[in-house]
Amino acid sequence: MSATKAEFSKVADAQVAEVQSKISALVDDIAKNAPAGSENVMAMLKSSVANAHAGYEQMNSAAKQAVEATDAHVTAASDQLTQVVKKAAAK
């Protein structure tokens, strides 16, 4: 199960990185072909894209931490339950 999660995460991260790269390339292309005087708008667009990427990374990191914490808690609860069942069966 853990290997499956790791593989899924790896594939998803690769796809996100590819999409982010394509978006950045599109923004750069738009900036190259933008009319004179639109530098401020292009800077705002680039900043917005960079902020969106950073926001996604923060959200993704928080989600991974939450999943790891939940997994650890479930494992601990399962271990405790197993010990209780073994003690009850021994009596």
Protein backbone atom coordinates (compact mmCIF):
# COMPACT_ATOMS: atom_id res chain seq x y z
CA MET A 1 0.00 0.00 0.00
CA SER A 2 2.80 2.40 0.92
CA ALA A 3 4.60 1.66 -2.35
CA THR A 4 1.39 2.34 -4.27
CA LYS A 5 0.95 5.70 -2.49
CA ALA A 6 4.56 6.60 -3.22
CA GLU A 7 4.23 5.70 -6.90
CA PHE A 8 0.95 7.60 -7.23
CA SER A 9 2.50 10.62 -5.55
CA LYS A 10 5.54 10.44 -7.82
CA VAL A 11 3.40 10.31 -10.98
CA ALA A 12 1.12 13.12 -9.77
CA ASP A 13 4.09 15.32 -8.85
CA ALA A 14 5.64 14.75 -12.28
CA GLN A 15 2.41 15.70 -14.02
CA VAL A 16 2.01 18.83 -11.91
CA ALA A 17 5.61 19.83 -12.62
CA GLU A 18 4.98 19.39 -16.35
CA VAL A 19 1.83 21.52 -16.25
CA GLN A 20 3.62 24.21 -14.22
CA SER A 21 6.44 24.22 -16.74
CA LYS A 22 4.01 24.59 -19.64
CA ILE A 23 2.19 27.44 -17.89
CA SER A 24 5.47 29.23 -17.22
CA ALA A 25 6.51 28.78 -20.86
CA LEU A 26 3.14 30.15 -22.01
CA VAL A 27 3.48 33.19 -19.77
CA ASP A 28 7.02 33.78 -21.05
CA ASP A 29 5.78 33.50 -24.63
CA ILE A 30 2.98 35.95 -23.93
CA ALA A 31 5.48 38.35 -22.35
CA LYS A 32 7.76 38.16 -25.39
CA ASN A 33 4.90 39.04 -27.73
CA ALA A 34 3.26 41.63 -25.49
CA PRO A 35 2.88 45.14 -26.85
CA ALA A 36 5.15 47.91 -25.62
CA GLY A 37 3.97 49.48 -22.40
CA SER A 38 2.51 46.27 -20.99
CA GLU A 39 5.53 45.46 -18.82
CA ASN A 40 3.62 46.09 -15.58
CA VAL A 41 0.79 43.79 -16.63
CA MET A 42 3.26 41.10 -17.63
CA ALA A 43 5.10 41.44 -14.31
CA MET A 44 1.77 41.08 -12.50
CA LEU A 45 0.88 38.02 -14.58
CA LYS A 46 4.26 36.38 -13.89
CA SER A 47 3.93 37.18 -10.20
CA SER A 48 0.43 35.72 -10.09
CA VAL A 49 1.58 32.50 -11.74
CA ALA A 50 4.56 32.24 -9.38
CA ASN A 51 2.28 32.82 -6.38
CA ALA A 52 -0.16 30.16 -7.63
CA HIS A 53 2.71 27.68 -7.99
CA ALA A 54 3.97 28.50 -4.48
CA GLY A 55 0.46 28.19 -3.05
CA TYR A 56 0.03 24.79 -4.66
CA GLU A 57 3.37 23.62 -3.25
CA GLN A 58 2.40 24.75 0.25
CA MET A 59 -1.01 23.09 -0.01
CA ASN A 60 0.55 19.90 -1.35
CA SER A 61 3.12 19.84 1.44
CA ALA A 62 0.45 20.36 4.10
CA ALA A 63 -1.70 17.62 2.59
CA LYS A 64 1.21 15.17 2.57
CA GLN A 65 1.98 15.99 6.21
CA ALA A 66 -1.67 15.46 7.13
CA VAL A 67 -1.74 12.09 5.36
CA GLU A 68 1.48 11.01 7.08
CA ALA A 69 0.16 12.09 10.48
CA THR A 70 -3.15 10.30 9.90
CA ASP A 71 -1.34 7.17 8.77
CA ALA A 72 0.84 7.26 11.89
CA HIS A 73 -2.21 7.69 14.14
CA VAL A 74 -4.09 4.84 12.44
CA THR A 75 -1.05 2.59 12.77
CA ALA A 76 -0.67 3.46 16.45
CA ALA A 77 -4.37 2.85 17.12
CA SER A 78 -4.22 -0.46 15.27
CA ASP A 79 -1.19 -1.53 17.30
CA GLN A 80 -2.94 -0.63 20.55
CA LEU A 81 -6.06 -2.49 19.52
CA THR A 82 -3.98 -5.55 18.64
CA GLN A 83 -2.35 -5.47 22.08
CA VAL A 84 -5.75 -5.19 23.80
CA VAL A 85 -7.11 -8.12 21.81
CA LYS A 86 -4.05 -10.26 22.60
CA LYS A 87 -4.37 -9.46 26.32
CA ALA A 88 -8.06 -10.28 26.27
CA ALA A 89 -7.44 -13.55 24.44
CA ALA A 90 -4.73 -14.52 26.93
CA LYS A 91 -7.12 -14.30 29.88
